[in-house]
Amino acid sequence: MGNITGIVPKIAVSDLDSAIPFYERLTGAKLAQRFSYGTVALASVGDFLLIEGGSDYQPEQSALIFVESLEEVIDLVARTNGQILEGPADVPNGRRAVIRHPDGSEFEYLQRPNEK
């Protein structure tokens, strides 16, 4: 079995209030979970993370990848010429790192507290 336990696409939206109903209907989610991080407002709706950060805002990473072991990802990155851009660091919802893959793509990784 692989290390990845889930992938959440990050979607930049201009207005959370108008975007949430569509994603709730699309996913069958009953209630979006809203929160903020720095200067952006976010909503978790089903398997999507909606981000409102201004008209020109685009998330730096296109997805959040949940893993059983963040250390396994970090070890793989070190062996394959990838790069750790942020972290690893403990955050309220687990242990997090931002990683650039050898092909140049960037993703945010999160190991939740209930994983390894």
Protein backbone atom coordinates (compact mmCIF):
# COMPACT_ATOMS: atom_id res chain seq x y z
CA MET A 1 0.00 0.00 0.00
CA GLY A 2 1.24 3.50 -0.81
CA ASN A 3 2.04 6.37 1.51
CA ILE A 4 -0.60 8.78 0.14
CA THR A 5 -3.92 8.71 2.00
CA GLY A 6 -5.68 11.55 0.17
CA ILE A 7 -5.29 14.48 -2.21
CA VAL A 8 -7.18 17.76 -1.87
CA PRO A 9 -7.17 20.15 -4.86
CA LYS A 10 -6.65 23.82 -4.01
CA ILE A 11 -9.03 26.07 -5.95
CA ALA A 12 -8.61 29.87 -6.07
CA VAL A 13 -12.00 31.61 -5.99
CA SER A 14 -12.88 35.29 -6.09
CA ASP A 15 -15.75 34.95 -3.59
CA LEU A 16 -16.14 32.10 -1.09
CA ASP A 17 -19.79 32.89 -0.40
CA SER A 18 -20.78 32.42 -4.03
CA ALA A 19 -18.45 29.44 -4.69
CA ILE A 20 -19.37 27.30 -1.67
CA PRO A 21 -22.93 26.33 -2.72
CA PHE A 22 -21.71 24.87 -6.03
CA TYR A 23 -19.02 22.75 -4.34
CA GLU A 24 -21.45 21.62 -1.64
CA ARG A 25 -23.85 20.39 -4.33
CA LEU A 26 -21.01 18.88 -6.38
CA THR A 27 -19.59 16.90 -3.45
CA GLY A 28 -22.72 16.30 -1.41
CA ALA A 29 -21.08 18.06 1.54
CA LYS A 30 -23.62 19.41 4.00
CA LEU A 31 -21.56 22.23 5.50
CA ALA A 32 -18.33 23.90 4.39
CA GLN A 33 -15.71 24.31 7.09
CA ARG A 34 -14.42 27.89 6.97
CA PHE A 35 -11.14 29.15 8.39
CA SER A 36 -8.40 31.65 7.66
CA TYR A 37 -4.65 31.44 7.24
CA GLY A 38 -2.66 34.64 7.06
CA THR A 39 -4.41 36.97 4.63
CA VAL A 40 -6.54 34.35 2.89
CA ALA A 41 -9.98 32.96 3.69
CA LEU A 42 -10.50 29.24 3.11
CA ALA A 43 -13.30 26.71 3.03
CA SER A 44 -12.99 22.94 3.05
CA VAL A 45 -15.86 21.52 1.00
CA GLY A 46 -15.85 17.78 0.47
CA ASP A 47 -12.58 16.96 -1.28
CA PHE A 48 -11.85 20.58 -2.30
CA LEU A 49 -10.05 23.43 -0.56
CA LEU A 50 -11.40 26.79 -1.74
CA ILE A 51 -9.12 29.77 -1.24
CA GLU A 52 -10.14 33.43 -1.47
CA GLY A 53 -7.11 35.69 -1.46
CA GLY A 54 -7.85 38.52 -3.84
CA SER A 55 -8.43 38.86 -7.56
CA ASP A 56 -4.87 37.90 -8.57
CA TYR A 57 -4.32 35.21 -5.94
CA GLN A 58 -3.26 31.75 -7.06
CA PRO A 59 -2.23 29.05 -4.57
CA GLU A 60 1.50 28.33 -4.76
CA GLN A 61 0.77 24.60 -4.69
CA SER A 62 -2.10 23.05 -6.64
CA ALA A 63 -2.88 20.36 -4.06
CA LEU A 64 -2.55 19.28 -0.47
CA ILE A 65 -1.39 15.67 -0.23
CA PHE A 66 -2.10 13.69 2.94
CA VAL A 67 0.47 11.01 3.77
CA GLU A 68 0.96 8.34 6.40
CA SER A 69 4.64 9.27 6.80
CA LEU A 70 6.05 12.68 5.94
CA GLU A 71 9.55 11.35 6.63
CA GLU A 72 9.19 8.81 3.79
CA VAL A 73 8.40 11.65 1.37
CA ILE A 74 11.33 13.71 2.64
CA ASP A 75 13.68 10.73 2.24
CA LEU A 76 12.45 10.15 -1.33
CA VAL A 77 12.89 13.83 -2.21
CA ALA A 78 16.46 13.78 -0.88
CA ARG A 79 17.31 10.72 -3.01
CA THR A 80 15.75 12.08 -6.22
CA ASN A 81 16.95 15.70 -6.40
CA GLY A 82 13.71 17.22 -5.19
CA GLN A 83 13.73 20.12 -2.73
CA ILE A 84 12.16 20.88 0.63
CA LEU A 85 10.83 24.44 0.34
CA GLU A 86 9.22 24.74 3.79
CA GLY A 87 9.35 22.59 6.90
CA PRO A 88 8.93 20.00 7.98
CA ALA A 89 7.13 21.70 10.84
CA ASP A 90 4.47 20.87 13.37
CA VAL A 91 1.19 22.69 12.65
CA PRO A 92 -2.17 22.50 14.45
CA ASN A 93 -3.46 19.78 12.12
CA GLY A 94 -0.31 17.63 11.93
CA ARG A 95 3.18 17.82 10.47
CA ARG A 96 3.61 19.82 7.24
CA ALA A 97 6.15 20.41 4.46
CA VAL A 98 6.11 22.11 1.08
CA ILE A 99 8.10 20.10 -1.43
CA ARG A 100 9.28 20.64 -5.00
CA HIS A 101 9.36 17.40 -6.95
CA PRO A 102 12.29 16.69 -9.29
CA ASP A 103 10.04 17.70 -12.23
CA GLY A 104 9.51 21.16 -10.69
CA SER A 105 5.93 20.71 -9.47
CA GLU A 106 5.24 21.88 -5.91
CA PHE A 107 2.88 20.33 -3.38
CA GLU A 108 1.99 20.81 0.25
CA TYR A 109 2.24 17.56 2.26
CA LEU A 110 0.55 16.88 5.58
CA GLN A 111 0.88 13.97 7.99
CA ARG A 112 -2.11 14.12 10.31
CA PRO A 113 -1.56 13.47 14.04
CA ASN A 114 -3.40 10.12 13.91
CA GLU A 115 -1.03 8.77 11.23
CA LYS A 116 2.41 7.27 12.06
